[in-house]
Amino acid sequence: MCGRYASAKEPAELIEEFGVTHGPETPLAPDFNVAPTKQVYAVLDRGAGTDGDRERLLAEVRWGLVPSWAKDPKIGSRMINARLETAAVKPAFRSAWARRRALLPADGYYEWHTASAVEGVSRPRKQPYFIHLGDGGTLAMAGLYELWRDPSKDPDHPESWLWTATVLTTTATDGLGRIHDRMPVHVFAEQRDDWLDPGFTGDPGTLLEPAAAAARMVAYPVSSLVNSVRNNGPELTAPIPLVTG
């Protein structure tokens, strides 16, 4: 799964990189410890399927998808990830898979590996790792987004609509599989326009190359400070020596 990540790039950088036409009114602060239910950036296309009618937004959404049919938005805290293998058919995700795909930009993500006696430690412990693209580029995590309307508010009320998103994950390969068996799906630049296109008529799954992305990732141990969401700063992504014994 992907349960924490870092997203510290300025909106101007993301707007340029992803060809955004409308940026956020109030920029989010750099976040080195993004956790479920936080507000995050999502790149998404709105409008008809033709380029002339589409707008690309850098939107602020809440991490944890709330299906449009949900009775309680709290369900989103359990839907921070969607499995790539089943997203097209799961009731919570299939509508978004067909028409509301997004990219969630990240500097990288965190996973916890449980070291064991076999690996030279005296007792099991969880070691956090920071995983990112080796060239330092933006990790464009494949995502889905939804709009949920609060029935207790007037449809025209500015807080009547809740925008939420989930991160698609897949089986981790290569060295990443040793740390955790799942990983977020990265969307390469040449596939992003089709992935975001709400009018794309093919199978969106064919636009994704998880194995190729895994080969470009690097991972290193980081401080256990990241374990607490109260901690936030660039020191969370700094490499540390791996402690054994």
Protein backbone atom coordinates (compact mmCIF):
# COMPACT_ATOMS: atom_id res chain seq x y z
CA MET A 1 0.00 0.00 0.00
CA CYS A 2 0.95 3.66 0.00
CA GLY A 3 0.08 5.21 3.34
CA ARG A 4 2.46 8.17 3.58
CA TYR A 5 4.30 10.28 1.04
CA ALA A 6 6.15 13.56 0.57
CA SER A 7 4.91 16.39 -1.65
CA ALA A 8 7.00 19.53 -1.28
CA LYS A 9 7.26 21.04 -4.76
CA GLU A 10 5.92 24.52 -5.35
CA PRO A 11 2.65 24.74 -7.31
CA ALA A 12 4.42 26.72 -10.06
CA GLU A 13 6.73 23.75 -10.70
CA LEU A 14 3.82 21.32 -10.91
CA ILE A 15 1.80 23.67 -13.12
CA GLU A 16 4.66 23.82 -15.62
CA GLU A 17 5.52 20.13 -15.50
CA PHE A 18 1.95 18.86 -15.96
CA GLY A 19 0.67 21.55 -18.33
CA VAL A 20 -1.92 22.81 -15.85
CA THR A 21 -4.26 25.57 -17.02
CA HIS A 22 -5.82 26.37 -13.64
CA GLY A 23 -3.83 26.33 -10.41
CA PRO A 24 -5.04 26.41 -6.81
CA GLU A 25 -6.32 29.65 -5.32
CA THR A 26 -4.57 28.98 -2.00
CA PRO A 27 -1.36 26.94 -2.36
CA LEU A 28 -0.74 24.06 0.03
CA ALA A 29 2.34 24.21 2.23
CA PRO A 30 5.18 21.79 1.42
CA ASP A 31 4.38 18.51 3.17
CA PHE A 32 7.03 15.88 3.91
CA ASN A 33 4.63 13.64 5.81
CA VAL A 34 1.39 13.43 3.84
CA ALA A 35 -1.06 11.21 5.70
CA PRO A 36 -4.59 9.95 4.93
CA THR A 37 -7.40 12.56 5.02
CA LYS A 38 -4.96 15.45 4.43
CA GLN A 39 -5.50 17.91 1.60
CA VAL A 40 -3.22 17.06 -1.33
CA TYR A 41 -2.67 18.12 -4.93
CA ALA A 42 -4.22 16.17 -7.77
CA VAL A 43 -3.76 16.86 -11.47
CA LEU A 44 -6.98 16.18 -13.35
CA ASP A 45 -8.80 17.07 -16.56
CA ARG A 46 -12.33 18.41 -16.55
CA GLY A 47 -14.63 18.90 -19.53
CA ALA A 48 -15.45 17.01 -22.71
CA GLY A 49 -13.13 14.53 -24.32
CA THR A 50 -11.81 16.95 -26.92
CA ASP A 51 -8.68 18.96 -26.17
CA GLY A 52 -10.42 22.24 -26.95
CA ASP A 53 -13.01 21.73 -24.21
CA ARG A 54 -10.77 20.23 -21.56
CA GLU A 55 -9.20 22.10 -18.68
CA ARG A 56 -6.32 20.74 -16.65
CA LEU A 57 -6.51 21.56 -12.97
CA LEU A 58 -4.08 21.37 -10.11
CA ALA A 59 -6.84 20.71 -7.61
CA GLU A 60 -6.81 20.37 -3.86
CA VAL A 61 -8.51 17.13 -2.82
CA ARG A 62 -8.74 15.09 0.35
CA TRP A 63 -6.72 11.88 0.36
CA GLY A 64 -9.16 9.01 0.79
CA LEU A 65 -11.81 8.50 -1.89
CA VAL A 66 -15.46 8.93 -0.92
CA PRO A 67 -17.77 7.28 -3.50
CA SER A 68 -20.62 9.46 -4.73
CA TRP A 69 -23.12 7.01 -3.22
CA ALA A 70 -21.55 6.96 0.25
CA LYS A 71 -23.79 7.79 3.21
CA ASP A 72 -20.89 8.94 5.38
CA PRO A 73 -17.71 10.64 4.08
CA LYS A 74 -15.71 8.98 6.85
CA ILE A 75 -15.53 5.93 4.58
CA GLY A 76 -12.77 7.77 2.71
CA SER A 77 -10.22 7.08 5.46
CA ARG A 78 -10.35 3.41 4.43
CA MET A 79 -9.98 4.14 0.70
CA ILE A 80 -6.61 5.84 0.41
CA ASN A 81 -5.49 3.10 -1.99
CA ALA A 82 -7.16 1.18 -4.81
CA ARG A 83 -5.69 -2.01 -6.20
CA LEU A 84 -4.86 -1.67 -9.89
CA GLU A 85 -5.91 -5.27 -10.45
CA THR A 86 -9.52 -4.67 -9.34
CA ALA A 87 -10.21 -0.92 -9.59
CA ALA A 88 -12.16 -1.31 -12.85
CA VAL A 89 -14.77 -3.57 -11.22
CA LYS A 90 -14.94 -2.55 -7.55
CA PRO A 91 -18.14 -0.57 -6.85
CA ALA A 92 -16.22 2.14 -4.97
CA PHE A 93 -13.82 2.80 -7.84
CA ARG A 94 -15.22 1.62 -11.18
CA SER A 95 -17.00 4.87 -12.04
CA ALA A 96 -13.89 6.94 -11.32
CA TRP A 97 -11.74 4.43 -13.21
CA ALA A 98 -13.85 5.03 -16.32
CA ARG A 99 -14.07 8.85 -16.20
CA ARG A 100 -12.25 10.46 -13.28
CA ARG A 101 -8.59 9.55 -13.35
CA ALA A 102 -5.94 11.75 -11.78
CA LEU A 103 -2.26 12.11 -11.00
CA LEU A 104 -1.08 12.74 -7.47
CA PRO A 105 2.38 14.36 -7.62
CA ALA A 106 4.88 13.25 -5.00
CA ASP A 107 8.58 13.58 -4.27
CA GLY A 108 8.47 9.99 -3.09
CA TYR A 109 6.67 7.74 -0.65
CA TYR A 110 7.40 5.88 2.59
CA GLU A 111 7.14 2.20 3.35
CA TRP A 112 7.96 0.26 6.50
CA HIS A 113 9.95 -2.95 6.32
CA THR A 114 9.78 -5.34 9.24
CA ALA A 115 13.32 -6.57 9.81
CA SER A 116 13.67 -10.02 11.33
CA ALA A 117 16.28 -12.20 13.00
CA VAL A 118 17.03 -13.71 9.59
CA GLU A 119 18.24 -10.28 8.50
CA GLY A 120 20.60 -9.89 11.41
CA VAL A 121 18.49 -8.08 14.01
CA SER A 122 17.93 -9.29 17.52
CA ARG A 123 14.18 -8.54 17.54
CA PRO A 124 11.68 -7.58 14.84
CA ARG A 125 11.31 -3.88 14.22
CA LYS A 126 9.85 -1.68 11.51
CA GLN A 127 12.31 0.42 9.54
CA PRO A 128 10.88 3.24 7.40
CA TYR A 129 12.26 3.69 3.89
CA PHE A 130 11.89 6.61 1.50
CA ILE A 131 11.32 5.47 -2.08
CA HIS A 132 11.62 7.82 -5.06
CA LEU A 133 12.62 8.05 -8.71
CA GLY A 134 16.36 7.75 -9.04
CA ASP A 135 16.63 10.82 -11.25
CA GLY A 136 14.87 13.00 -8.66
CA GLY A 137 11.85 13.60 -10.89
CA THR A 138 8.26 13.92 -9.77
CA LEU A 139 6.53 10.66 -8.95
CA ALA A 140 3.21 10.98 -10.80
CA MET A 141 1.12 8.50 -8.85
CA ALA A 142 -1.87 7.17 -10.76
CA GLY A 143 -5.04 8.06 -8.92
CA LEU A 144 -8.81 8.26 -9.13
CA TYR A 145 -10.95 11.11 -7.86
CA GLU A 146 -14.59 11.52 -6.89
CA LEU A 147 -17.06 14.25 -5.99
CA TRP A 148 -19.37 13.66 -3.05
CA ARG A 149 -22.28 15.97 -2.27
CA ASP A 150 -23.24 16.67 1.31
CA PRO A 151 -27.04 16.21 1.33
CA SER A 152 -27.35 18.43 4.40
CA LYS A 153 -26.18 21.50 2.45
CA ASP A 154 -27.66 23.44 -0.42
CA PRO A 155 -26.07 22.35 -3.75
CA ASP A 156 -24.88 25.93 -4.32
CA HIS A 157 -23.14 26.16 -0.95
CA PRO A 158 -19.33 26.31 -1.42
CA GLU A 159 -18.85 23.46 1.07
CA SER A 160 -21.54 21.18 -0.36
CA TRP A 161 -19.11 19.27 -2.57
CA LEU A 162 -16.20 17.20 -1.27
CA TRP A 163 -13.39 16.31 -3.69
CA THR A 164 -11.43 13.20 -2.75
CA ALA A 165 -8.86 10.89 -4.34
CA THR A 166 -7.18 7.53 -3.99
CA VAL A 167 -3.77 6.20 -5.08
CA LEU A 168 -3.62 3.15 -7.33
CA THR A 169 -1.21 0.46 -6.16
CA THR A 170 0.24 -2.66 -7.74
CA THR A 171 2.55 -5.55 -6.89
CA ALA A 172 6.02 -4.30 -6.00
CA THR A 173 8.83 -5.83 -8.02
CA ASP A 174 12.62 -5.90 -7.91
CA GLY A 175 14.17 -4.67 -4.67
CA LEU A 176 11.03 -2.77 -3.70
CA GLY A 177 9.21 -6.04 -3.12
CA ARG A 178 11.64 -6.82 -0.33
CA ILE A 179 10.51 -3.72 1.55
CA HIS A 180 6.76 -4.04 0.92
CA ASP A 181 4.66 -6.14 -1.44
CA ARG A 182 2.71 -3.16 -2.86
CA MET A 183 3.76 0.10 -4.51
CA PRO A 184 2.01 3.13 -6.06
CA VAL A 185 1.70 3.15 -9.85
CA HIS A 186 3.79 5.81 -11.62
CA VAL A 187 2.45 7.24 -14.90
CA PHE A 188 5.15 8.16 -17.40
CA ALA A 189 5.00 11.51 -19.21
CA GLU A 190 4.04 10.02 -22.58
CA GLN A 191 0.92 8.33 -21.09
CA ARG A 192 -0.34 11.20 -18.92
CA ASP A 193 -2.58 12.96 -21.45
CA ASP A 194 -4.51 9.78 -22.22
CA TRP A 195 -4.64 8.76 -18.57
CA LEU A 196 -6.23 12.08 -17.61
CA ASP A 197 -8.57 12.24 -20.62
CA PRO A 198 -12.15 11.61 -19.37
CA GLY A 199 -13.10 10.70 -22.94
CA PHE A 200 -10.40 8.05 -23.41
CA THR A 201 -12.15 5.06 -25.00
CA GLY A 202 -9.49 2.38 -24.51
CA ASP A 203 -8.56 0.36 -21.45
CA PRO A 204 -6.81 2.77 -19.04
CA GLY A 205 -4.83 -0.14 -17.66
CA THR A 206 -2.87 -0.39 -20.91
CA LEU A 207 -1.39 3.07 -20.23
CA LEU A 208 0.43 1.91 -17.12
CA GLU A 209 3.84 0.25 -16.89
CA PRO A 210 4.41 -0.67 -13.23
CA ALA A 211 7.46 -2.86 -13.81
CA ALA A 212 9.25 -0.15 -15.80
CA ALA A 213 8.61 2.36 -13.03
CA ALA A 214 9.89 0.01 -10.33
CA ALA A 215 13.19 -0.34 -12.17
CA ARG A 216 13.72 3.44 -11.88
CA MET A 217 13.05 3.63 -8.14
CA VAL A 218 15.61 3.84 -5.37
CA ALA A 219 15.03 3.29 -1.67
CA TYR A 220 16.98 4.07 1.48
CA PRO A 221 16.27 3.98 5.23
CA VAL A 222 15.10 7.15 6.96
CA SER A 223 14.50 8.25 10.53
CA SER A 224 11.62 6.83 12.54
CA LEU A 225 10.53 10.45 13.05
CA VAL A 226 8.29 9.88 10.04
CA ASN A 227 6.24 7.43 12.12
CA SER A 228 4.43 10.36 13.74
CA VAL A 229 2.29 12.64 11.58
CA ARG A 230 3.18 15.46 13.96
CA ASN A 231 6.69 15.52 12.49
CA ASN A 232 7.12 17.33 9.19
CA GLY A 233 10.20 18.66 7.44
CA PRO A 234 12.88 17.80 4.88
CA GLU A 235 14.84 15.84 7.49
CA LEU A 236 12.22 13.07 7.18
CA THR A 237 13.49 12.20 3.68
CA ALA A 238 17.19 12.32 4.60
CA PRO A 239 18.97 8.94 4.37
CA ILE A 240 20.36 7.34 7.51
CA PRO A 241 22.63 4.31 8.02
CA LEU A 242 20.73 1.05 8.27
CA VAL A 243 20.99 -0.19 11.85
CA THR A 244 21.36 -3.95 12.33
CA GLY A 245 21.87 -6.12 15.36
